[in-house]
Amino acid sequence: MTRWYRRDPAAGVVVLAIHAQPQARRTEVVGTHGDSLKVKVAAPALENRANEALLAFVAERFGVARRDVSLLSGEKSREKRVAVRAGDADPEKALLAPRD
């Protein structure tokens, strides 16, 4: 099993461990950082903008509505845990597969 995500079948969610890097040129997955997936976020870490941009990015990549993605922990930290209500989705395909 990959370390940066885990499935919670009872709750129907995938929980992601994300290391966020705010104020990047663009929002993108750039690899791993320890046991987390490293994501550069094109928003400043002010007034929750980076968190919102990260959650919107995850929702778009998983193909779910923004309301199906929530921040479990790490609101004021780079280390975040994010829940995605898409229990059957493949996180590696959603976040690591190249996009056109």
PDB file of N, CA and C in Angstrom:
ATOM      1  N   MET A   1       0.846  -1.203   0.000  1.00  0.00           N
ATOM      2  CA  MET A   1       0.000   0.000   0.000  1.00  0.00           C
ATOM      3  C   MET A   1       0.876   1.246   0.000  1.00  0.00           C
ATOM      4  N   THR A   2       0.467   2.217  -0.739  1.00  0.00           N
ATOM      5  CA  THR A   2       1.181   3.477  -0.803  1.00  0.00           C
ATOM      6  C   THR A   2       0.953   4.249   0.485  1.00  0.00           C
ATOM      7  N   ARG A   3       1.963   4.915   0.952  1.00  0.00           N
ATOM      8  CA  ARG A   3       1.891   5.589   2.244  1.00  0.00           C
ATOM      9  C   ARG A   3       1.080   6.881   2.242  1.00  0.00           C
ATOM     10  N   TRP A   4       1.013   7.595   1.124  1.00  0.00           N
ATOM     11  CA  TRP A   4       0.404   8.926   1.154  1.00  0.00           C
ATOM     12  C   TRP A   4      -1.120   8.915   1.067  1.00  0.00           C
ATOM     13  N   TYR A   5      -1.722   7.753   0.962  1.00  0.00           N
ATOM     14  CA  TYR A   5      -3.188   7.688   1.024  1.00  0.00           C
ATOM     15  C   TYR A   5      -3.624   6.395   1.696  1.00  0.00           C
ATOM     16  N   ARG A   6      -4.842   6.438   2.211  1.00  0.00           N
ATOM     17  CA  ARG A   6      -5.455   5.225   2.752  1.00  0.00           C
ATOM     18  C   ARG A   6      -6.948   5.294   2.474  1.00  0.00           C
ATOM     19  N   ARG A   7      -7.529   4.134   2.332  1.00  0.00           N
ATOM     20  CA  ARG A   7      -8.973   4.049   2.097  1.00  0.00           C
ATOM     21  C   ARG A   7      -9.689   3.783   3.417  1.00  0.00           C
ATOM     22  N   ASP A   8     -10.833   4.385   3.577  1.00  0.00           N
ATOM     23  CA  ASP A   8     -11.703   4.105   4.714  1.00  0.00           C
ATOM     24  C   ASP A   8     -13.031   3.650   4.123  1.00  0.00           C
ATOM     25  N   PRO A   9     -13.144   2.338   3.805  1.00  0.00           N
ATOM     26  CA  PRO A   9     -14.345   1.839   3.128  1.00  0.00           C
ATOM     27  C   PRO A   9     -15.626   2.062   3.928  1.00  0.00           C
ATOM     28  N   ALA A  10     -15.531   2.015   5.247  1.00  0.00           N
ATOM     29  CA  ALA A  10     -16.726   2.207   6.075  1.00  0.00           C
ATOM     30  C   ALA A  10     -17.311   3.605   5.868  1.00  0.00           C
ATOM     31  N   ALA A  11     -16.439   4.593   5.742  1.00  0.00           N
ATOM     32  CA  ALA A  11     -16.896   5.972   5.549  1.00  0.00           C
ATOM     33  C   ALA A  11     -17.015   6.324   4.067  1.00  0.00           C
ATOM     34  N   GLY A  12     -16.499   5.474   3.181  1.00  0.00           N
ATOM     35  CA  GLY A  12     -16.565   5.750   1.746  1.00  0.00           C
ATOM     36  C   GLY A  12     -15.648   6.874   1.311  1.00  0.00           C
ATOM     37  N   VAL A  13     -14.507   7.018   1.996  1.00  0.00           N
ATOM     38  CA  VAL A  13     -13.580   8.101   1.667  1.00  0.00           C
ATOM     39  C   VAL A  13     -12.175   7.568   1.440  1.00  0.00           C
ATOM     40  N   VAL A  14     -11.398   8.392   0.757  1.00  0.00           N
ATOM     41  CA  VAL A  14      -9.966   8.194   0.626  1.00  0.00           C
ATOM     42  C   VAL A  14      -9.334   9.347   1.397  1.00  0.00           C
ATOM     43  N   VAL A  15      -8.407   9.032   2.305  1.00  0.00           N
ATOM     44  CA  VAL A  15      -7.726  10.064   3.083  1.00  0.00           C
ATOM     45  C   VAL A  15      -6.323  10.232   2.523  1.00  0.00           C
ATOM     46  N   LEU A  16      -5.988  11.462   2.167  1.00  0.00           N
ATOM     47  CA  LEU A  16      -4.700  11.786   1.563  1.00  0.00           C
ATOM     48  C   LEU A  16      -3.828  12.529   2.559  1.00  0.00           C
ATOM     49  N   ALA A  17      -2.541  12.211   2.583  1.00  0.00           N
ATOM     50  CA  ALA A  17      -1.554  12.982   3.338  1.00  0.00           C
ATOM     51  C   ALA A  17      -0.853  13.867   2.319  1.00  0.00           C
ATOM     52  N   ILE A  18      -0.975  15.178   2.493  1.00  0.00           N
ATOM     53  CA  ILE A  18      -0.432  16.124   1.512  1.00  0.00           C
ATOM     54  C   ILE A  18       0.498  17.115   2.184  1.00  0.00           C
ATOM     55  N   HIS A  19       1.644  17.323   1.561  1.00  0.00           N
ATOM     56  CA  HIS A  19       2.570  18.386   1.964  1.00  0.00           C
ATOM     57  C   HIS A  19       2.355  19.507   0.951  1.00  0.00           C
ATOM     58  N   ALA A  20       1.783  20.607   1.397  1.00  0.00           N
ATOM     59  CA  ALA A  20       1.443  21.714   0.490  1.00  0.00           C
ATOM     60  C   ALA A  20       2.542  22.767   0.476  1.00  0.00           C
ATOM     61  N   GLN A  21       2.821  23.281  -0.698  1.00  0.00           N
ATOM     62  CA  GLN A  21       3.779  24.375  -0.864  1.00  0.00           C
ATOM     63  C   GLN A  21       3.032  25.541  -1.501  1.00  0.00           C
ATOM     64  N   PRO A  22       2.604  26.510  -0.686  1.00  0.00           N
ATOM     65  CA  PRO A  22       1.809  27.624  -1.225  1.00  0.00           C
ATOM     66  C   PRO A  22       2.638  28.602  -2.048  1.00  0.00           C
ATOM     67  N   GLN A  23       1.936  29.455  -2.748  1.00  0.00           N
ATOM     68  CA  GLN A  23       2.479  30.555  -3.548  1.00  0.00           C
ATOM     69  C   GLN A  23       3.420  30.066  -4.653  1.00  0.00           C
ATOM     70  N   ALA A  24       3.034  28.981  -5.299  1.00  0.00           N
ATOM     71  CA  ALA A  24       3.804  28.452  -6.423  1.00  0.00           C
ATOM     72  C   ALA A  24       3.312  29.097  -7.712  1.00  0.00           C
ATOM     73  N   ARG A  25       4.023  28.857  -8.778  1.00  0.00           N
ATOM     74  CA  ARG A  25       3.630  29.407 -10.079  1.00  0.00           C
ATOM     75  C   ARG A  25       2.315  28.809 -10.560  1.00  0.00           C
ATOM     76  N   ARG A  26       2.148  27.482 -10.330  1.00  0.00           N
ATOM     77  CA  ARG A  26       0.900  26.825 -10.692  1.00  0.00           C
ATOM     78  C   ARG A  26       0.645  25.679  -9.715  1.00  0.00           C
ATOM     79  N   THR A  27      -0.602  25.227  -9.664  1.00  0.00           N
ATOM     80  CA  THR A  27      -0.964  24.129  -8.779  1.00  0.00           C
ATOM     81  C   THR A  27      -0.696  22.820  -9.500  1.00  0.00           C
ATOM     82  N   GLU A  28       0.138  21.974  -8.867  1.00  0.00           N
ATOM     83  CA  GLU A  28       0.509  20.708  -9.483  1.00  0.00           C
ATOM     84  C   GLU A  28       1.103  19.770  -8.446  1.00  0.00           C
ATOM     85  N   VAL A  29       1.006  18.477  -8.732  1.00  0.00           N
ATOM     86  CA  VAL A  29       1.660  17.455  -7.924  1.00  0.00           C
ATOM     87  C   VAL A  29       3.098  17.375  -8.393  1.00  0.00           C
ATOM     88  N   VAL A  30       4.044  17.406  -7.441  1.00  0.00           N
ATOM     89  CA  VAL A  30       5.455  17.391  -7.829  1.00  0.00           C
ATOM     90  C   VAL A  30       6.211  16.191  -7.269  1.00  0.00           C
ATOM     91  N   GLY A  31       5.524  15.250  -6.650  1.00  0.00           N
ATOM     92  CA  GLY A  31       6.197  14.060  -6.138  1.00  0.00           C
ATOM     93  C   GLY A  31       5.790  13.775  -4.711  1.00  0.00           C
ATOM     94  N   THR A  32       6.714  13.170  -3.976  1.00  0.00           N
ATOM     95  CA  THR A  32       6.432  12.851  -2.579  1.00  0.00           C
ATOM     96  C   THR A  32       7.368  13.629  -1.673  1.00  0.00           C
ATOM     97  N   HIS A  33       6.965  13.746  -0.429  1.00  0.00           N
ATOM     98  CA  HIS A  33       7.747  14.412   0.608  1.00  0.00           C
ATOM     99  C   HIS A  33       7.578  13.558   1.852  1.00  0.00           C
ATOM    100  N   GLY A  34       8.504  12.653   2.090  1.00  0.00           N
ATOM    101  CA  GLY A  34       8.350  11.707   3.188  1.00  0.00           C
ATOM    102  C   GLY A  34       7.185  10.775   2.895  1.00  0.00           C
ATOM    103  N   ASP A  35       6.233  10.724   3.804  1.00  0.00           N
ATOM    104  CA  ASP A  35       5.041   9.885   3.620  1.00  0.00           C
ATOM    105  C   ASP A  35       3.858  10.669   3.060  1.00  0.00           C
ATOM    106  N   SER A  36       4.123  11.834   2.496  1.00  0.00           N
ATOM    107  CA  SER A  36       3.059  12.683   1.953  1.00  0.00           C
ATOM    108  C   SER A  36       3.261  12.919   0.466  1.00  0.00           C
ATOM    109  N   LEU A  37       2.177  13.273  -0.190  1.00  0.00           N
ATOM    110  CA  LEU A  37       2.235  13.694  -1.580  1.00  0.00           C
ATOM    111  C   LEU A  37       2.512  15.196  -1.579  1.00  0.00           C
ATOM    112  N   LYS A  38       3.519  15.648  -2.320  1.00  0.00           N
ATOM    113  CA  LYS A  38       3.850  17.074  -2.349  1.00  0.00           C
ATOM    114  C   LYS A  38       3.076  17.751  -3.470  1.00  0.00           C
ATOM    115  N   VAL A  39       2.360  18.814  -3.100  1.00  0.00           N
ATOM    116  CA  VAL A  39       1.557  19.565  -4.061  1.00  0.00           C
ATOM    117  C   VAL A  39       1.918  21.041  -3.962  1.00  0.00           C
ATOM    118  N   LYS A  40       2.347  21.612  -5.069  1.00  0.00           N
ATOM    119  CA  LYS A  40       2.557  23.059  -5.131  1.00  0.00           C
ATOM    120  C   LYS A  40       1.200  23.700  -5.384  1.00  0.00           C
ATOM    121  N   VAL A  41       0.921  24.779  -4.670  1.00  0.00           N
ATOM    122  CA  VAL A  41      -0.381  25.438  -4.762  1.00  0.00           C
ATOM    123  C   VAL A  41      -0.181  26.885  -5.205  1.00  0.00           C
ATOM    124  N   ALA A  42      -0.898  27.277  -6.257  1.00  0.00           N
ATOM    125  CA  ALA A  42      -0.771  28.622  -6.821  1.00  0.00           C
ATOM    126  C   ALA A  42      -1.682  29.600  -6.108  1.00  0.00           C
ATOM    127  N   ALA A  43      -1.541  29.674  -4.804  1.00  0.00           N
ATOM    128  CA  ALA A  43      -2.307  30.629  -4.005  1.00  0.00           C
ATOM    129  C   ALA A  43      -1.488  30.910  -2.753  1.00  0.00           C
ATOM    130  N   PRO A  44      -1.592  32.115  -2.223  1.00  0.00           N
ATOM    131  CA  PRO A  44      -0.845  32.431  -1.004  1.00  0.00           C
ATOM    132  C   PRO A  44      -1.505  31.808   0.223  1.00  0.00           C
ATOM    133  N   ALA A  45      -0.708  31.613   1.246  1.00  0.00           N
ATOM    134  CA  ALA A  45      -1.217  31.045   2.499  1.00  0.00           C
ATOM    135  C   ALA A  45      -1.826  32.154   3.358  1.00  0.00           C
ATOM    136  N   LEU A  46      -2.707  32.916   2.767  1.00  0.00           N
ATOM    137  CA  LEU A  46      -3.389  34.008   3.453  1.00  0.00           C
ATOM    138  C   LEU A  46      -4.888  33.791   3.375  1.00  0.00           C
ATOM    139  N   GLU A  47      -5.571  34.046   4.481  1.00  0.00           N
ATOM    140  CA  GLU A  47      -7.034  33.981   4.520  1.00  0.00           C
ATOM    141  C   GLU A  47      -7.576  32.680   3.935  1.00  0.00           C
ATOM    142  N   ASN A  48      -6.874  31.577   4.182  1.00  0.00           N
ATOM    143  CA  ASN A  48      -7.335  30.242   3.783  1.00  0.00           C
ATOM    144  C   ASN A  48      -7.351  30.014   2.272  1.00  0.00           C
ATOM    145  N   ARG A  49      -6.741  30.913   1.499  1.00  0.00           N
ATOM    146  CA  ARG A  49      -6.784  30.795   0.039  1.00  0.00           C
ATOM    147  C   ARG A  49      -6.039  29.568  -0.474  1.00  0.00           C
ATOM    148  N   ALA A  50      -4.882  29.244   0.112  1.00  0.00           N
ATOM    149  CA  ALA A  50      -4.119  28.077  -0.336  1.00  0.00           C
ATOM    150  C   ALA A  50      -4.889  26.792  -0.047  1.00  0.00           C
ATOM    151  N   ASN A  51      -5.537  26.716   1.117  1.00  0.00           N
ATOM    152  CA  ASN A  51      -6.325  25.522   1.440  1.00  0.00           C
ATOM    153  C   ASN A  51      -7.469  25.342   0.453  1.00  0.00           C
ATOM    154  N   GLU A  52      -8.167  26.420   0.160  1.00  0.00           N
ATOM    155  CA  GLU A  52      -9.291  26.336  -0.779  1.00  0.00           C
ATOM    156  C   GLU A  52      -8.815  25.935  -2.178  1.00  0.00           C
ATOM    157  N   ALA A  53      -7.689  26.496  -2.605  1.00  0.00           N
ATOM    158  CA  ALA A  53      -7.142  26.139  -3.918  1.00  0.00           C
ATOM    159  C   ALA A  53      -6.726  24.667  -3.949  1.00  0.00           C
ATOM    160  N   LEU A  54      -6.136  24.184  -2.862  1.00  0.00           N
ATOM    161  CA  LEU A  54      -5.732  22.780  -2.786  1.00  0.00           C
ATOM    162  C   LEU A  54      -6.947  21.859  -2.853  1.00  0.00           C
ATOM    163  N   LEU A  55      -7.984  22.170  -2.088  1.00  0.00           N
ATOM    164  CA  LEU A  55      -9.179  21.321  -2.071  1.00  0.00           C
ATOM    165  C   LEU A  55      -9.882  21.332  -3.430  1.00  0.00           C
ATOM    166  N   ALA A  56      -9.925  22.492  -4.079  1.00  0.00           N
ATOM    167  CA  ALA A  56     -10.526  22.573  -5.414  1.00  0.00           C
ATOM    168  C   ALA A  56      -9.713  21.756  -6.416  1.00  0.00           C
ATOM    169  N   PHE A  57      -8.393  21.797  -6.308  1.00  0.00           N
ATOM    170  CA  PHE A  57      -7.518  21.020  -7.185  1.00  0.00           C
ATOM    171  C   PHE A  57      -7.756  19.520  -6.997  1.00  0.00           C
ATOM    172  N   VAL A  58      -7.819  19.065  -5.752  1.00  0.00           N
ATOM    173  CA  VAL A  58      -8.052  17.647  -5.469  1.00  0.00           C
ATOM    174  C   VAL A  58      -9.415  17.220  -6.012  1.00  0.00           C
ATOM    175  N   ALA A  59     -10.441  18.053  -5.803  1.00  0.00           N
ATOM    176  CA  ALA A  59     -11.782  17.731  -6.303  1.00  0.00           C
ATOM    177  C   ALA A  59     -11.770  17.595  -7.823  1.00  0.00           C
ATOM    178  N   GLU A  60     -11.110  18.521  -8.495  1.00  0.00           N
ATOM    179  CA  GLU A  60     -11.047  18.487  -9.960  1.00  0.00           C
ATOM    180  C   GLU A  60     -10.325  17.235 -10.444  1.00  0.00           C
ATOM    181  N   ARG A  61      -9.219  16.886  -9.815  1.00  0.00           N
ATOM    182  CA  ARG A  61      -8.450  15.716 -10.230  1.00  0.00           C
ATOM    183  C   ARG A  61      -9.194  14.410  -9.984  1.00  0.00           C
ATOM    184  N   PHE A  62      -9.995  14.349  -8.907  1.00  0.00           N
ATOM    185  CA  PHE A  62     -10.780  13.148  -8.622  1.00  0.00           C
ATOM    186  C   PHE A  62     -12.092  13.130  -9.402  1.00  0.00           C
ATOM    187  N   GLY A  63     -12.467  14.254  -9.995  1.00  0.00           N
ATOM    188  CA  GLY A  63     -13.718  14.326 -10.737  1.00  0.00           C
ATOM    189  C   GLY A  63     -14.939  14.333  -9.840  1.00  0.00           C
ATOM    190  N   VAL A  64     -14.802  14.958  -8.659  1.00  0.00           N
ATOM    191  CA  VAL A  64     -15.921  15.053  -7.717  1.00  0.00           C
ATOM    192  C   VAL A  64     -16.217  16.526  -7.451  1.00  0.00           C
ATOM    193  N   ALA A  65     -17.355  16.778  -6.847  1.00  0.00           N
ATOM    194  CA  ALA A  65     -17.721  18.149  -6.485  1.00  0.00           C
ATOM    195  C   ALA A  65     -16.831  18.633  -5.343  1.00  0.00           C
ATOM    196  N   ARG A  66     -16.616  19.918  -5.259  1.00  0.00           N
ATOM    197  CA  ARG A  66     -15.783  20.501  -4.197  1.00  0.00           C
ATOM    198  C   ARG A  66     -16.324  20.119  -2.818  1.00  0.00           C
ATOM    199  N   ARG A  67     -17.646  19.993  -2.685  1.00  0.00           N
ATOM    200  CA  ARG A  67     -18.241  19.656  -1.390  1.00  0.00           C
ATOM    201  C   ARG A  67     -17.873  18.241  -0.928  1.00  0.00           C
ATOM    202  N   ASP A  68     -17.356  17.413  -1.842  1.00  0.00           N
ATOM    203  CA  ASP A  68     -16.959  16.043  -1.505  1.00  0.00           C
ATOM    204  C   ASP A  68     -15.510  15.952  -1.039  1.00  0.00           C
ATOM    205  N   VAL A  69     -14.848  17.079  -0.901  1.00  0.00           N
ATOM    206  CA  VAL A  69     -13.460  17.111  -0.446  1.00  0.00           C
ATOM    207  C   VAL A  69     -13.396  17.997   0.795  1.00  0.00           C
ATOM    208  N   SER A  70     -12.786  17.475   1.872  1.00  0.00           N
ATOM    209  CA  SER A  70     -12.704  18.271   3.100  1.00  0.00           C
ATOM    210  C   SER A  70     -11.329  18.155   3.732  1.00  0.00           C
ATOM    211  N   LEU A  71     -10.967  19.201   4.439  1.00  0.00           N
ATOM    212  CA  LEU A  71      -9.698  19.256   5.147  1.00  0.00           C
ATOM    213  C   LEU A  71      -9.908  18.682   6.541  1.00  0.00           C
ATOM    214  N   LEU A  72      -9.243  17.580   6.845  1.00  0.00           N
ATOM    215  CA  LEU A  72      -9.384  16.941   8.155  1.00  0.00           C
ATOM    216  C   LEU A  72      -8.460  17.565   9.191  1.00  0.00           C
ATOM    217  N   SER A  73      -7.244  17.903   8.761  1.00  0.00           N
ATOM    218  CA  SER A  73      -6.288  18.522   9.678  1.00  0.00           C
ATOM    219  C   SER A  73      -5.244  19.287   8.886  1.00  0.00           C
ATOM    220  N   GLY A  74      -4.574  20.216   9.574  1.00  0.00           N
ATOM    221  CA  GLY A  74      -3.492  20.967   8.956  1.00  0.00           C
ATOM    222  C   GLY A  74      -3.894  22.296   8.371  1.00  0.00           C
ATOM    223  N   GLU A  75      -4.926  22.913   8.925  1.00  0.00           N
ATOM    224  CA  GLU A  75      -5.402  24.183   8.363  1.00  0.00           C
ATOM    225  C   GLU A  75      -4.297  25.231   8.287  1.00  0.00           C
ATOM    226  N   LYS A  76      -3.440  25.295   9.294  1.00  0.00           N
ATOM    227  CA  LYS A  76      -2.376  26.305   9.317  1.00  0.00           C
ATOM    228  C   LYS A  76      -0.990  25.671   9.205  1.00  0.00           C
ATOM    229  N   SER A  77      -0.931  24.497   8.615  1.00  0.00           N
ATOM    230  CA  SER A  77       0.321  23.768   8.468  1.00  0.00           C
ATOM    231  C   SER A  77       0.504  23.357   7.012  1.00  0.00           C
ATOM    232  N   ARG A  78       1.727  23.050   6.640  1.00  0.00           N
ATOM    233  CA  ARG A  78       1.966  22.516   5.294  1.00  0.00           C
ATOM    234  C   ARG A  78       1.551  21.053   5.215  1.00  0.00           C
ATOM    235  N   GLU A  79       1.577  20.361   6.354  1.00  0.00           N
ATOM    236  CA  GLU A  79       1.184  18.949   6.411  1.00  0.00           C
ATOM    237  C   GLU A  79      -0.322  18.862   6.609  1.00  0.00           C
ATOM    238  N   LYS A  80      -1.022  18.314   5.635  1.00  0.00           N
ATOM    239  CA  LYS A  80      -2.481  18.287   5.658  1.00  0.00           C
ATOM    240  C   LYS A  80      -3.011  16.876   5.462  1.00  0.00           C
ATOM    241  N   ARG A  81      -4.180  16.632   6.020  1.00  0.00           N
ATOM    242  CA  ARG A  81      -4.914  15.397   5.746  1.00  0.00           C
ATOM    243  C   ARG A  81      -6.218  15.816   5.102  1.00  0.00           C
ATOM    244  N   VAL A  82      -6.480  15.249   3.934  1.00  0.00           N
ATOM    245  CA  VAL A  82      -7.641  15.619   3.134  1.00  0.00           C
ATOM    246  C   VAL A  82      -8.483  14.372   2.882  1.00  0.00           C
ATOM    247  N   ALA A  83      -9.790  14.490   3.090  1.00  0.00           N
ATOM    248  CA  ALA A  83     -10.710  13.380   2.824  1.00  0.00           C
ATOM    249  C   ALA A  83     -11.450  13.647   1.524  1.00  0.00           C
ATOM    250  N   VAL A  84     -11.540  12.612   0.687  1.00  0.00           N
ATOM    251  CA  VAL A  84     -12.254  12.704  -0.587  1.00  0.00           C
ATOM    252  C   VAL A  84     -13.344  11.645  -0.575  1.00  0.00           C
ATOM    253  N   ARG A  85     -14.588  12.071  -0.727  1.00  0.00           N
ATOM    254  CA  ARG A  85     -15.696  11.111  -0.806  1.00  0.00           C
ATOM    255  C   ARG A  85     -15.763  10.534  -2.212  1.00  0.00           C
ATOM    256  N   ALA A  86     -14.900   9.562  -2.434  1.00  0.00           N
ATOM    257  CA  ALA A  86     -14.826   8.855  -3.718  1.00  0.00           C
ATOM    258  C   ALA A  86     -14.123   7.537  -3.405  1.00  0.00           C
ATOM    259  N   GLY A  87     -14.749   6.751  -2.555  1.00  0.00           N
ATOM    260  CA  GLY A  87     -14.143   5.539  -2.020  1.00  0.00           C
ATOM    261  C   GLY A  87     -13.610   4.565  -3.040  1.00  0.00           C
ATOM    262  N   ASP A  88     -14.185   4.544  -4.249  1.00  0.00           N
ATOM    263  CA  ASP A  88     -13.737   3.585  -5.258  1.00  0.00           C
ATOM    264  C   ASP A  88     -12.733   4.178  -6.235  1.00  0.00           C
ATOM    265  N   ALA A  89     -12.406   5.461  -6.092  1.00  0.00           N
ATOM    266  CA  ALA A  89     -11.468   6.114  -7.009  1.00  0.00           C
ATOM    267  C   ALA A  89     -10.037   5.665  -6.717  1.00  0.00           C
ATOM    268  N   ASP A  90      -9.201   5.704  -7.732  1.00  0.00           N
ATOM    269  CA  ASP A  90      -7.800   5.353  -7.594  1.00  0.00           C
ATOM    270  C   ASP A  90      -6.987   6.643  -7.396  1.00  0.00           C
ATOM    271  N   PRO A  91      -6.498   6.899  -6.180  1.00  0.00           N
ATOM    272  CA  PRO A  91      -5.758   8.142  -5.921  1.00  0.00           C
ATOM    273  C   PRO A  91      -4.508   8.295  -6.786  1.00  0.00           C
ATOM    274  N   GLU A  92      -3.831   7.193  -7.060  1.00  0.00           N
ATOM    275  CA  GLU A  92      -2.633   7.287  -7.888  1.00  0.00           C
ATOM    276  C   GLU A  92      -2.975   7.716  -9.310  1.00  0.00           C
ATOM    277  N   LYS A  93      -4.056   7.180  -9.844  1.00  0.00           N
ATOM    278  CA  LYS A  93      -4.484   7.572 -11.192  1.00  0.00           C
ATOM    279  C   LYS A  93      -4.979   9.022 -11.197  1.00  0.00           C
ATOM    280  N   ALA A  94      -5.740   9.412 -10.168  1.00  0.00           N
ATOM    281  CA  ALA A  94      -6.313  10.757 -10.113  1.00  0.00           C
ATOM    282  C   ALA A  94      -5.244  11.826  -9.952  1.00  0.00           C
ATOM    283  N   LEU A  95      -4.237  11.572  -9.116  1.00  0.00           N
ATOM    284  CA  LEU A  95      -3.276  12.625  -8.799  1.00  0.00           C
ATOM    285  C   LEU A  95      -1.926  12.489  -9.489  1.00  0.00           C
ATOM    286  N   LEU A  96      -1.544  11.288  -9.874  1.00  0.00           N
ATOM    287  CA  LEU A  96      -0.215  11.114 -10.457  1.00  0.00           C
ATOM    288  C   LEU A  96      -0.207  10.951 -11.974  1.00  0.00           C
ATOM    289  N   ALA A  97      -1.348  10.611 -12.549  1.00  0.00           N
ATOM    290  CA  ALA A  97      -1.403  10.429 -13.995  1.00  0.00           C
ATOM    291  C   ALA A  97      -1.205  11.776 -14.690  1.00  0.00           C
ATOM    292  N   PRO A  98      -0.438  11.808 -15.781  1.00  0.00           N
ATOM    293  CA  PRO A  98      -0.227  13.058 -16.507  1.00  0.00           C
ATOM    294  C   PRO A  98      -1.542  13.581 -17.089  1.00  0.00           C
ATOM    295  N   ARG A  99      -1.667  14.892 -17.121  1.00  0.00           N
ATOM    296  CA  ARG A  99      -2.847  15.553 -17.680  1.00  0.00           C
ATOM    297  C   ARG A  99      -2.473  16.247 -18.975  1.00  0.00           C
ATOM    298  N   ASP A 100      -3.442  16.313 -19.877  1.00  0.00           N
ATOM    299  CA  ASP A 100      -3.205  17.000 -21.164  1.00  0.00           C
ATOM    300  C   ASP A 100      -3.259  18.488 -20.993  1.00  0.00           C
TER     301      ASP A 100
END
